[in-house]
Amino acid sequence: MSGWREAAALAESSPLAWPGVRGPVFADYPLAPLTTWKVGGPARYLAVPSDLEDVFQLFRRAGVEGWPLFFLGRGSNVLIADAGLPGLTLHLARAFQGWERREDRWRVGAGVSLPRLARQAAAWGVSGFEFLAGIPGTVGGAVRLNAGAHGRSLAGLLTRVWVATPGLHLLELPAGELELGYRSSRLLSLPHWLVVEAEFRLPAEASPAAVRQRMRELLTARRARQPSHPRTCGSVFKNPPAAAAAGYLIEAAGLKGRRRGDAQVSRRHANFIINRGQAQAGEIQALIREVEEEVRRRHGVRLEREVVFLPGDYAGK
């Protein structure tokens, strides 16, 4: 289900009436269709904010009620528990989709998808964003993880971000304060800070045809080495800093094709786990733990997850 079809499905559901919130709010809304793995239970409350004021109203409500907060973009790089998410989940299905270009700077809403960002840059003839075309995430989530591919990352383009905090502040932070590293940033330790906008520098221009050709080449290379199965979250583990790549270590441990129910380590690229149809989040999590333990046992390397477990990784934060 695409992001736009997801938004349409949300609009067709029966929303609750929450005073002061213009965007729809739903109770016990199934989250599996909103994730790339297509697994996970419902959100106790799922809200689709229409703008920044909605975000602050929702933050206020969560604070008064004592609810935990979760954020969901396009549902990649997350594993939502079979029991679902307590409290309030904000889904950026319709808000923060705009952008504004001013000379050599590009201010973009956090809900914009990375492939859309890459396509727009190509249409302008701006080189440097091509590596984003195959990453199934949003700008907000990509900033939080410093997303990257083909040896590039957002850190090379990002100049500043705007984040909304549960204290009802809108903070403007230069990229230098985000501590951007390999699939990491300061924001990972601040899970209740919501990125609402990001600003990028625009590198030198090129012909749109040349940029599109480079984008096609990167997408072709990506598809050749990664599984074509749509139900996957992307890379499960970060590549260790002082060892071989995670996929190589997992394959060398004999784990390609390993299954737990319908969860399976991809036979094409071992750093991907696919949902063959009816996998449960618990099966995927158990398979991830099994891979971690086997790689540690065989190679003495502790793999660090790129995928985030919800609510587990953010519990109590």
C-alpha atoms as a PDB file:
ATOM      1  CA  MET A   1       0.000   0.000   0.000  1.00  0.00           C
ATOM      2  CA  SER A   2       1.555   3.326  -1.044  1.00  0.00           C
ATOM      3  CA  GLY A   3       1.760   6.366   1.220  1.00  0.00           C
ATOM      4  CA  TRP A   4      -1.051   8.085  -0.623  1.00  0.00           C
ATOM      5  CA  ARG A   5      -3.318   5.011  -0.491  1.00  0.00           C
ATOM      6  CA  GLU A   6      -2.543   4.741   3.233  1.00  0.00           C
ATOM      7  CA  ALA A   7      -3.614   8.350   3.688  1.00  0.00           C
ATOM      8  CA  ALA A   8      -6.800   7.660   1.740  1.00  0.00           C
ATOM      9  CA  ALA A   9      -7.548   4.623   3.908  1.00  0.00           C
ATOM     10  CA  LEU A  10      -7.114   6.776   7.001  1.00  0.00           C
ATOM     11  CA  ALA A  11      -9.488   9.370   5.596  1.00  0.00           C
ATOM     12  CA  GLU A  12     -12.149   6.697   4.979  1.00  0.00           C
ATOM     13  CA  SER A  13     -12.028   5.467   8.598  1.00  0.00           C
ATOM     14  CA  SER A  14     -14.204   6.932  11.341  1.00  0.00           C
ATOM     15  CA  PRO A  15     -12.189   9.515  13.287  1.00  0.00           C
ATOM     16  CA  LEU A  16     -12.743  10.579  16.859  1.00  0.00           C
ATOM     17  CA  ALA A  17     -13.687  14.128  17.804  1.00  0.00           C
ATOM     18  CA  TRP A  18     -10.739  15.685  19.660  1.00  0.00           C
ATOM     19  CA  PRO A  19     -11.270  19.392  20.432  1.00  0.00           C
ATOM     20  CA  GLY A  20      -8.573  21.628  19.007  1.00  0.00           C
ATOM     21  CA  VAL A  21      -7.149  18.980  16.651  1.00  0.00           C
ATOM     22  CA  ARG A  22      -8.022  19.511  12.985  1.00  0.00           C
ATOM     23  CA  GLY A  23      -6.428  16.343  11.646  1.00  0.00           C
ATOM     24  CA  PRO A  24      -8.166  12.981  12.169  1.00  0.00           C
ATOM     25  CA  VAL A  25      -7.561  10.818  15.254  1.00  0.00           C
ATOM     26  CA  PHE A  26      -8.389   7.108  15.372  1.00  0.00           C
ATOM     27  CA  ALA A  27      -8.701   4.596  18.187  1.00  0.00           C
ATOM     28  CA  ASP A  28      -7.166   1.113  17.960  1.00  0.00           C
ATOM     29  CA  TYR A  29      -5.973   1.695  14.418  1.00  0.00           C
ATOM     30  CA  PRO A  30      -4.074  -1.222  12.759  1.00  0.00           C
ATOM     31  CA  LEU A  31      -0.485  -0.231  12.071  1.00  0.00           C
ATOM     32  CA  ALA A  32       0.700  -3.219  10.022  1.00  0.00           C
ATOM     33  CA  PRO A  33      -0.539  -1.723   6.694  1.00  0.00           C
ATOM     34  CA  LEU A  34       1.435   1.447   7.469  1.00  0.00           C
ATOM     35  CA  THR A  35       4.777  -0.389   7.733  1.00  0.00           C
ATOM     36  CA  THR A  36       7.016  -1.876   5.056  1.00  0.00           C
ATOM     37  CA  TRP A  37       7.210  -5.223   6.903  1.00  0.00           C
ATOM     38  CA  LYS A  38       3.360  -5.291   7.147  1.00  0.00           C
ATOM     39  CA  VAL A  39       3.470  -6.532  10.732  1.00  0.00           C
ATOM     40  CA  GLY A  40       2.564  -5.136  14.140  1.00  0.00           C
ATOM     41  CA  GLY A  41      -0.507  -4.504  16.232  1.00  0.00           C
ATOM     42  CA  PRO A  42      -2.728  -1.436  16.519  1.00  0.00           C
ATOM     43  CA  ALA A  43      -2.033   2.025  17.872  1.00  0.00           C
ATOM     44  CA  ARG A  44      -4.144   2.870  20.908  1.00  0.00           C
ATOM     45  CA  TYR A  45      -4.571   6.270  19.301  1.00  0.00           C
ATOM     46  CA  LEU A  46      -3.305   7.241  15.861  1.00  0.00           C
ATOM     47  CA  ALA A  47      -3.326  10.919  14.900  1.00  0.00           C
ATOM     48  CA  VAL A  48      -2.632  12.479  11.517  1.00  0.00           C
ATOM     49  CA  PRO A  49      -1.663  16.094  12.315  1.00  0.00           C
ATOM     50  CA  SER A  50      -2.631  18.685   9.749  1.00  0.00           C
ATOM     51  CA  ASP A  51       0.039  21.199  10.753  1.00  0.00           C
ATOM     52  CA  LEU A  52       2.407  22.273  13.518  1.00  0.00           C
ATOM     53  CA  GLU A  53      -0.397  23.576  15.735  1.00  0.00           C
ATOM     54  CA  ASP A  54      -2.001  20.133  15.604  1.00  0.00           C
ATOM     55  CA  VAL A  55       1.308  18.622  16.696  1.00  0.00           C
ATOM     56  CA  PHE A  56       1.425  20.895  19.731  1.00  0.00           C
ATOM     57  CA  GLN A  57      -2.220  20.149  20.588  1.00  0.00           C
ATOM     58  CA  LEU A  58      -1.464  16.437  20.412  1.00  0.00           C
ATOM     59  CA  PHE A  59       1.639  16.869  22.562  1.00  0.00           C
ATOM     60  CA  ARG A  60      -0.477  18.689  25.137  1.00  0.00           C
ATOM     61  CA  ARG A  61      -3.059  15.912  25.172  1.00  0.00           C
ATOM     62  CA  ALA A  62      -0.407  13.222  25.576  1.00  0.00           C
ATOM     63  CA  GLY A  63       1.186  15.183  28.427  1.00  0.00           C
ATOM     64  CA  VAL A  64      -2.090  15.657  30.285  1.00  0.00           C
ATOM     65  CA  GLU A  65      -3.038  11.992  29.895  1.00  0.00           C
ATOM     66  CA  GLY A  66       0.450  10.683  30.622  1.00  0.00           C
ATOM     67  CA  TRP A  67       0.589   8.814  27.315  1.00  0.00           C
ATOM     68  CA  PRO A  68       3.833   7.705  25.626  1.00  0.00           C
ATOM     69  CA  LEU A  69       4.452   9.269  22.219  1.00  0.00           C
ATOM     70  CA  PHE A  70       5.529   7.513  19.025  1.00  0.00           C
ATOM     71  CA  PHE A  71       6.155   8.816  15.500  1.00  0.00           C
ATOM     72  CA  LEU A  72       5.591   6.919  12.264  1.00  0.00           C
ATOM     73  CA  GLY A  73       6.554   8.009   8.767  1.00  0.00           C
ATOM     74  CA  ARG A  74       6.480   5.469   5.948  1.00  0.00           C
ATOM     75  CA  GLY A  75       7.026   2.614   8.383  1.00  0.00           C
ATOM     76  CA  SER A  76      10.492   1.518   7.279  1.00  0.00           C
ATOM     77  CA  ASN A  77      13.281   0.732   9.754  1.00  0.00           C
ATOM     78  CA  VAL A  78      10.766  -0.029  12.520  1.00  0.00           C
ATOM     79  CA  LEU A  79       9.413  -3.253  13.987  1.00  0.00           C
ATOM     80  CA  ILE A  80       6.135  -2.651  15.807  1.00  0.00           C
ATOM     81  CA  ALA A  81       5.236  -5.240  18.432  1.00  0.00           C
ATOM     82  CA  ASP A  82       2.312  -7.603  17.843  1.00  0.00           C
ATOM     83  CA  ALA A  83       0.599  -5.992  20.836  1.00  0.00           C
ATOM     84  CA  GLY A  84       0.794  -2.622  19.081  1.00  0.00           C
ATOM     85  CA  LEU A  85       1.677   0.766  20.553  1.00  0.00           C
ATOM     86  CA  PRO A  86       0.213   2.281  23.716  1.00  0.00           C
ATOM     87  CA  GLY A  87      -0.472   5.975  24.077  1.00  0.00           C
ATOM     88  CA  LEU A  88      -0.446   8.233  21.035  1.00  0.00           C
ATOM     89  CA  THR A  89       1.187   7.678  17.641  1.00  0.00           C
ATOM     90  CA  LEU A  90       1.609  10.567  15.198  1.00  0.00           C
ATOM     91  CA  HIS A  91       1.556   9.538  11.547  1.00  0.00           C
ATOM     92  CA  LEU A  92       2.892  11.990   8.962  1.00  0.00           C
ATOM     93  CA  ALA A  93       0.642  10.835   6.143  1.00  0.00           C
ATOM     94  CA  ARG A  94      -0.528  14.273   5.028  1.00  0.00           C
ATOM     95  CA  ALA A  95       1.247  16.973   7.037  1.00  0.00           C
ATOM     96  CA  PHE A  96       4.684  18.438   6.335  1.00  0.00           C
ATOM     97  CA  GLN A  97       4.615  17.578   2.636  1.00  0.00           C
ATOM     98  CA  GLY A  98       5.691  20.954   1.250  1.00  0.00           C
ATOM     99  CA  TRP A  99       9.005  22.486   0.278  1.00  0.00           C
ATOM    100  CA  GLU A 100      10.477  25.851  -0.619  1.00  0.00           C
ATOM    101  CA  ARG A 101      13.585  26.525  -2.699  1.00  0.00           C
ATOM    102  CA  ARG A 102      15.582  29.687  -2.161  1.00  0.00           C
ATOM    103  CA  GLU A 103      18.732  30.049  -4.221  1.00  0.00           C
ATOM    104  CA  ASP A 104      21.146  27.378  -2.937  1.00  0.00           C
ATOM    105  CA  ARG A 105      18.938  26.217  -0.023  1.00  0.00           C
ATOM    106  CA  TRP A 106      15.963  23.843   0.002  1.00  0.00           C
ATOM    107  CA  ARG A 107      13.590  23.743   2.992  1.00  0.00           C
ATOM    108  CA  VAL A 108      11.572  20.506   3.031  1.00  0.00           C
ATOM    109  CA  GLY A 109       8.744  19.144   5.181  1.00  0.00           C
ATOM    110  CA  ALA A 110       9.558  16.105   7.308  1.00  0.00           C
ATOM    111  CA  GLY A 111       6.799  14.011   5.734  1.00  0.00           C
ATOM    112  CA  VAL A 112       8.237  14.200   2.202  1.00  0.00           C
ATOM    113  CA  SER A 113       9.464  10.811   0.995  1.00  0.00           C
ATOM    114  CA  LEU A 114      13.114  10.424   0.037  1.00  0.00           C
ATOM    115  CA  PRO A 115      12.361   9.080  -3.470  1.00  0.00           C
ATOM    116  CA  ARG A 116      10.144  12.139  -4.079  1.00  0.00           C
ATOM    117  CA  LEU A 117      12.970  14.391  -2.878  1.00  0.00           C
ATOM    118  CA  ALA A 118      15.399  12.739  -5.282  1.00  0.00           C
ATOM    119  CA  ARG A 119      12.972  13.014  -8.203  1.00  0.00           C
ATOM    120  CA  GLN A 120      12.375  16.716  -7.576  1.00  0.00           C
ATOM    121  CA  ALA A 121      16.097  17.428  -7.398  1.00  0.00           C
ATOM    122  CA  ALA A 122      16.536  15.601 -10.694  1.00  0.00           C
ATOM    123  CA  ALA A 123      13.745  17.665 -12.263  1.00  0.00           C
ATOM    124  CA  TRP A 124      15.614  20.829 -11.245  1.00  0.00           C
ATOM    125  CA  GLY A 125      18.894  19.437 -12.538  1.00  0.00           C
ATOM    126  CA  VAL A 126      20.425  19.414  -9.048  1.00  0.00           C
ATOM    127  CA  SER A 127      22.959  16.656  -8.448  1.00  0.00           C
ATOM    128  CA  GLY A 128      23.724  15.144  -5.057  1.00  0.00           C
ATOM    129  CA  PHE A 129      20.358  13.687  -4.012  1.00  0.00           C
ATOM    130  CA  GLU A 130      20.379  10.667  -6.337  1.00  0.00           C
ATOM    131  CA  PHE A 131      21.415   8.220  -3.590  1.00  0.00           C
ATOM    132  CA  LEU A 132      18.084   8.826  -1.816  1.00  0.00           C
ATOM    133  CA  ALA A 133      15.948   7.450  -4.658  1.00  0.00           C
ATOM    134  CA  GLY A 134      15.882   3.871  -3.355  1.00  0.00           C
ATOM    135  CA  ILE A 135      15.490   4.562   0.369  1.00  0.00           C
ATOM    136  CA  PRO A 136      11.867   3.964   1.504  1.00  0.00           C
ATOM    137  CA  GLY A 137      11.674   6.615   4.222  1.00  0.00           C
ATOM    138  CA  THR A 138      10.706  10.207   4.948  1.00  0.00           C
ATOM    139  CA  VAL A 139      12.886  13.243   5.488  1.00  0.00           C
ATOM    140  CA  GLY A 140      12.117  13.310   9.219  1.00  0.00           C
ATOM    141  CA  GLY A 141      13.093   9.705   9.824  1.00  0.00           C
ATOM    142  CA  ALA A 142      16.093  10.020   7.531  1.00  0.00           C
ATOM    143  CA  VAL A 143      17.437  12.976   9.508  1.00  0.00           C
ATOM    144  CA  ARG A 144      17.043  11.056  12.769  1.00  0.00           C
ATOM    145  CA  LEU A 145      19.042   8.101  11.389  1.00  0.00           C
ATOM    146  CA  ASN A 146      21.313  10.066   9.042  1.00  0.00           C
ATOM    147  CA  ALA A 147      20.111   7.824   6.230  1.00  0.00           C
ATOM    148  CA  GLY A 148      22.468   6.978   3.439  1.00  0.00           C
ATOM    149  CA  ALA A 149      23.434   4.688   0.591  1.00  0.00           C
ATOM    150  CA  HIS A 150      26.217   4.262  -1.979  1.00  0.00           C
ATOM    151  CA  GLY A 151      28.738   5.917   0.325  1.00  0.00           C
ATOM    152  CA  ARG A 152      26.644   9.055   0.804  1.00  0.00           C
ATOM    153  CA  SER A 153      24.446  10.261   3.682  1.00  0.00           C
ATOM    154  CA  LEU A 154      22.197  13.177   4.544  1.00  0.00           C
ATOM    155  CA  ALA A 155      24.978  14.658   6.661  1.00  0.00           C
ATOM    156  CA  GLY A 156      26.625  15.822   3.433  1.00  0.00           C
ATOM    157  CA  LEU A 157      23.568  17.854   2.433  1.00  0.00           C
ATOM    158  CA  LEU A 158      21.821  18.900   5.658  1.00  0.00           C
ATOM    159  CA  THR A 159      22.287  22.448   6.966  1.00  0.00           C
ATOM    160  CA  ARG A 160      19.643  22.741   9.735  1.00  0.00           C
ATOM    161  CA  VAL A 161      16.420  21.251  11.079  1.00  0.00           C
ATOM    162  CA  TRP A 162      13.346  22.390  13.000  1.00  0.00           C
ATOM    163  CA  VAL A 163      12.057  20.107  15.738  1.00  0.00           C
ATOM    164  CA  ALA A 164       8.916  20.251  17.886  1.00  0.00           C
ATOM    165  CA  THR A 165       9.396  19.161  21.494  1.00  0.00           C
ATOM    166  CA  PRO A 166       6.903  17.866  24.089  1.00  0.00           C
ATOM    167  CA  GLY A 167       7.675  21.089  25.998  1.00  0.00           C
ATOM    168  CA  LEU A 168       5.796  22.823  23.138  1.00  0.00           C
ATOM    169  CA  HIS A 169       8.864  24.514  21.684  1.00  0.00           C
ATOM    170  CA  LEU A 170       9.927  24.739  18.051  1.00  0.00           C
ATOM    171  CA  LEU A 171      13.713  24.549  17.971  1.00  0.00           C
ATOM    172  CA  GLU A 172      15.950  25.454  15.054  1.00  0.00           C
ATOM    173  CA  LEU A 173      19.125  23.379  15.175  1.00  0.00           C
ATOM    174  CA  PRO A 174      22.137  23.656  12.848  1.00  0.00           C
ATOM    175  CA  ALA A 175      23.290  20.351  11.433  1.00  0.00           C
ATOM    176  CA  GLY A 176      26.530  20.655  13.386  1.00  0.00           C
ATOM    177  CA  GLU A 177      24.615  20.249  16.665  1.00  0.00           C
ATOM    178  CA  LEU A 178      22.962  16.972  15.599  1.00  0.00           C
ATOM    179  CA  GLU A 179      26.101  14.842  16.029  1.00  0.00           C
ATOM    180  CA  LEU A 180      25.440  13.088  12.746  1.00  0.00           C
ATOM    181  CA  GLY A 181      27.300   9.809  12.397  1.00  0.00           C
ATOM    182  CA  TYR A 182      26.916   6.483  10.644  1.00  0.00           C
ATOM    183  CA  ARG A 183      23.160   5.774  10.898  1.00  0.00           C
ATOM    184  CA  SER A 184      23.009   7.867  14.053  1.00  0.00           C
ATOM    185  CA  SER A 185      22.339  11.334  15.396  1.00  0.00           C
ATOM    186  CA  ARG A 186      21.701  13.112  18.657  1.00  0.00           C
ATOM    187  CA  LEU A 187      17.976  12.814  17.913  1.00  0.00           C
ATOM    188  CA  LEU A 188      18.014   9.053  18.515  1.00  0.00           C
ATOM    189  CA  SER A 189      18.453   9.798  22.221  1.00  0.00           C
ATOM    190  CA  LEU A 190      15.550  12.267  22.049  1.00  0.00           C
ATOM    191  CA  PRO A 191      12.775  10.058  20.614  1.00  0.00           C
ATOM    192  CA  HIS A 192       9.988  12.496  21.557  1.00  0.00           C
ATOM    193  CA  TRP A 193      11.495  15.352  19.562  1.00  0.00           C
ATOM    194  CA  LEU A 194       9.696  15.473  16.218  1.00  0.00           C
ATOM    195  CA  VAL A 195      11.521  16.721  13.135  1.00  0.00           C
ATOM    196  CA  VAL A 196       9.056  18.895  11.217  1.00  0.00           C
ATOM    197  CA  GLU A 197      11.315  20.497   8.598  1.00  0.00           C
ATOM    198  CA  ALA A 198      14.844  20.204   7.284  1.00  0.00           C
ATOM    199  CA  GLU A 199      16.993  22.467   5.167  1.00  0.00           C
ATOM    200  CA  PHE A 200      19.479  21.181   2.611  1.00  0.00           C
ATOM    201  CA  ARG A 201      22.144  22.891   0.599  1.00  0.00           C
ATOM    202  CA  LEU A 202      21.809  22.461  -3.153  1.00  0.00           C
ATOM    203  CA  PRO A 203      25.053  21.311  -4.777  1.00  0.00           C
ATOM    204  CA  ALA A 204      26.133  22.387  -8.239  1.00  0.00           C
ATOM    205  CA  GLU A 205      23.557  21.984 -10.981  1.00  0.00           C
ATOM    206  CA  ALA A 206      23.780  19.526 -13.849  1.00  0.00           C
ATOM    207  CA  SER A 207      21.500  18.607 -16.717  1.00  0.00           C
ATOM    208  CA  PRO A 208      18.262  16.905 -15.587  1.00  0.00           C
ATOM    209  CA  ALA A 209      18.975  14.090 -18.043  1.00  0.00           C
ATOM    210  CA  ALA A 210      22.392  13.431 -16.503  1.00  0.00           C
ATOM    211  CA  VAL A 211      20.982  13.441 -12.967  1.00  0.00           C
ATOM    212  CA  ARG A 212      18.178  11.053 -13.923  1.00  0.00           C
ATOM    213  CA  GLN A 213      20.659   8.729 -15.614  1.00  0.00           C
ATOM    214  CA  ARG A 214      22.804   8.624 -12.480  1.00  0.00           C
ATOM    215  CA  MET A 215      19.685   7.923 -10.411  1.00  0.00           C
ATOM    216  CA  ARG A 216      18.735   5.028 -12.688  1.00  0.00           C
ATOM    217  CA  GLU A 217      22.251   3.584 -12.386  1.00  0.00           C
ATOM    218  CA  LEU A 218      22.136   3.687  -8.571  1.00  0.00           C
ATOM    219  CA  LEU A 219      18.651   2.150  -8.473  1.00  0.00           C
ATOM    220  CA  THR A 220      19.738  -0.624 -10.837  1.00  0.00           C
ATOM    221  CA  ALA A 221      22.772  -1.397  -8.670  1.00  0.00           C
ATOM    222  CA  ARG A 222      20.609  -1.392  -5.530  1.00  0.00           C
ATOM    223  CA  ARG A 223      18.040  -3.756  -7.024  1.00  0.00           C
ATOM    224  CA  ALA A 224      20.741  -6.123  -8.228  1.00  0.00           C
ATOM    225  CA  ARG A 225      22.111  -6.769  -4.746  1.00  0.00           C
ATOM    226  CA  GLN A 226      19.058  -6.352  -2.517  1.00  0.00           C
ATOM    227  CA  PRO A 227      15.928  -8.518  -2.291  1.00  0.00           C
ATOM    228  CA  SER A 228      13.078  -7.591  -4.590  1.00  0.00           C
ATOM    229  CA  HIS A 229      10.511  -8.772  -2.032  1.00  0.00           C
ATOM    230  CA  PRO A 230       8.486  -5.699  -0.966  1.00  0.00           C
ATOM    231  CA  ARG A 231       7.950  -6.778   2.652  1.00  0.00           C
ATOM    232  CA  THR A 232      11.247  -5.815   4.218  1.00  0.00           C
ATOM    233  CA  CYS A 233      12.431  -2.911   6.364  1.00  0.00           C
ATOM    234  CA  GLY A 234      15.750  -2.301   4.630  1.00  0.00           C
ATOM    235  CA  SER A 235      19.030  -3.133   6.328  1.00  0.00           C
ATOM    236  CA  VAL A 236      18.454  -4.725   9.735  1.00  0.00           C
ATOM    237  CA  PHE A 237      21.955  -4.116  11.125  1.00  0.00           C
ATOM    238  CA  LYS A 238      24.564  -1.398  10.845  1.00  0.00           C
ATOM    239  CA  ASN A 239      27.874  -2.401   9.323  1.00  0.00           C
ATOM    240  CA  PRO A 240      30.382  -2.888  12.174  1.00  0.00           C
ATOM    241  CA  PRO A 241      33.096  -0.197  12.243  1.00  0.00           C
ATOM    242  CA  ALA A 242      36.049  -2.577  12.522  1.00  0.00           C
ATOM    243  CA  ALA A 243      34.826  -5.742  10.814  1.00  0.00           C
ATOM    244  CA  ALA A 244      33.376  -7.008   7.577  1.00  0.00           C
ATOM    245  CA  ALA A 245      29.951  -5.813   6.460  1.00  0.00           C
ATOM    246  CA  ALA A 246      26.988  -7.113   8.437  1.00  0.00           C
ATOM    247  CA  GLY A 247      25.584  -8.987   5.444  1.00  0.00           C
ATOM    248  CA  TYR A 248      28.891 -10.810   4.916  1.00  0.00           C
ATOM    249  CA  LEU A 249      29.119 -11.810   8.587  1.00  0.00           C
ATOM    250  CA  ILE A 250      25.566 -13.112   8.613  1.00  0.00           C
ATOM    251  CA  GLU A 251      26.099 -15.094   5.411  1.00  0.00           C
ATOM    252  CA  ALA A 252      29.418 -16.481   6.699  1.00  0.00           C
ATOM    253  CA  ALA A 253      27.579 -17.674   9.815  1.00  0.00           C
ATOM    254  CA  GLY A 254      25.409 -19.824   7.548  1.00  0.00           C
ATOM    255  CA  LEU A 255      22.231 -17.860   8.199  1.00  0.00           C
ATOM    256  CA  LYS A 256      21.033 -17.074   4.685  1.00  0.00           C
ATOM    257  CA  GLY A 257      17.539 -18.466   4.327  1.00  0.00           C
ATOM    258  CA  ARG A 258      17.121 -19.036   8.093  1.00  0.00           C
ATOM    259  CA  ARG A 259      13.440 -18.864   9.059  1.00  0.00           C
ATOM    260  CA  ARG A 260      11.169 -18.299  12.011  1.00  0.00           C
ATOM    261  CA  GLY A 261       7.656 -18.891  10.728  1.00  0.00           C
ATOM    262  CA  ASP A 262       7.222 -16.615   7.712  1.00  0.00           C
ATOM    263  CA  ALA A 263      10.174 -14.424   8.706  1.00  0.00           C
ATOM    264  CA  GLN A 264      13.259 -15.274   6.680  1.00  0.00           C
ATOM    265  CA  VAL A 265      16.820 -14.001   6.277  1.00  0.00           C
ATOM    266  CA  SER A 266      17.003 -13.042   2.616  1.00  0.00           C
ATOM    267  CA  ARG A 267      18.858 -15.435   0.332  1.00  0.00           C
ATOM    268  CA  ARG A 268      19.962 -12.508  -1.841  1.00  0.00           C
ATOM    269  CA  HIS A 269      21.330 -10.192   0.872  1.00  0.00           C
ATOM    270  CA  ALA A 270      21.716 -11.550   4.391  1.00  0.00           C
ATOM    271  CA  ASN A 271      21.287  -8.142   6.083  1.00  0.00           C
ATOM    272  CA  PHE A 272      17.624  -8.147   5.041  1.00  0.00           C
ATOM    273  CA  ILE A 273      14.775 -10.056   6.667  1.00  0.00           C
ATOM    274  CA  ILE A 274      11.651 -10.566   4.600  1.00  0.00           C
ATOM    275  CA  ASN A 275       8.066 -11.294   5.544  1.00  0.00           C
ATOM    276  CA  ARG A 276       7.073 -14.173   3.304  1.00  0.00           C
ATOM    277  CA  GLY A 277       3.392 -13.534   3.936  1.00  0.00           C
ATOM    278  CA  GLN A 278       2.068 -14.051   7.440  1.00  0.00           C
ATOM    279  CA  ALA A 279       5.065 -13.316   9.669  1.00  0.00           C
ATOM    280  CA  GLN A 280       4.446 -11.944  13.159  1.00  0.00           C
ATOM    281  CA  ALA A 281       6.551  -9.202  14.709  1.00  0.00           C
ATOM    282  CA  GLY A 282       7.576 -11.644  17.430  1.00  0.00           C
ATOM    283  CA  GLU A 283       8.952 -14.057  14.823  1.00  0.00           C
ATOM    284  CA  ILE A 284      10.963 -11.301  13.148  1.00  0.00           C
ATOM    285  CA  GLN A 285      12.317 -10.144  16.492  1.00  0.00           C
ATOM    286  CA  ALA A 286      13.256 -13.698  17.469  1.00  0.00           C
ATOM    287  CA  LEU A 287      15.048 -14.152  14.136  1.00  0.00           C
ATOM    288  CA  ILE A 288      16.954 -10.901  14.654  1.00  0.00           C
ATOM    289  CA  ARG A 289      18.041 -12.083  18.112  1.00  0.00           C
ATOM    290  CA  GLU A 290      19.109 -15.423  16.653  1.00  0.00           C
ATOM    291  CA  VAL A 291      21.221 -13.688  14.019  1.00  0.00           C
ATOM    292  CA  GLU A 292      22.826 -11.447  16.643  1.00  0.00           C
ATOM    293  CA  GLU A 293      23.737 -14.398  18.834  1.00  0.00           C
ATOM    294  CA  GLU A 294      25.051 -16.584  16.011  1.00  0.00           C
ATOM    295  CA  VAL A 295      27.248 -13.815  14.572  1.00  0.00           C
ATOM    296  CA  ARG A 296      28.609 -13.074  18.043  1.00  0.00           C
ATOM    297  CA  ARG A 297      29.289 -16.767  18.614  1.00  0.00           C
ATOM    298  CA  ARG A 298      30.882 -17.414  15.207  1.00  0.00           C
ATOM    299  CA  HIS A 299      32.781 -14.151  14.662  1.00  0.00           C
ATOM    300  CA  GLY A 300      33.007 -12.452  18.045  1.00  0.00           C
ATOM    301  CA  VAL A 301      31.222  -9.403  16.618  1.00  0.00           C
ATOM    302  CA  ARG A 302      28.256  -7.733  18.291  1.00  0.00           C
ATOM    303  CA  LEU A 303      25.951  -6.439  15.577  1.00  0.00           C
ATOM    304  CA  GLU A 304      24.132  -3.177  16.260  1.00  0.00           C
ATOM    305  CA  ARG A 305      20.583  -2.942  14.996  1.00  0.00           C
ATOM    306  CA  GLU A 306      19.580  -0.270  12.522  1.00  0.00           C
ATOM    307  CA  VAL A 307      15.916  -1.221  12.843  1.00  0.00           C
ATOM    308  CA  VAL A 308      14.073   0.204  15.861  1.00  0.00           C
ATOM    309  CA  PHE A 309      11.830  -1.991  18.029  1.00  0.00           C
ATOM    310  CA  LEU A 310       8.627  -0.213  19.074  1.00  0.00           C
ATOM    311  CA  PRO A 311       7.694   0.257  21.843  1.00  0.00           C
ATOM    312  CA  GLY A 312      10.698  -1.564  23.327  1.00  0.00           C
ATOM    313  CA  ASP A 313      13.569   0.720  22.300  1.00  0.00           C
ATOM    314  CA  TYR A 314      11.693   3.828  23.425  1.00  0.00           C
ATOM    315  CA  ALA A 315      10.078   2.451  26.572  1.00  0.00           C
ATOM    316  CA  GLY A 316      10.373   4.873  29.463  1.00  0.00           C
ATOM    317  CA  LYS A 317      12.165   7.528  27.418  1.00  0.00           C
END
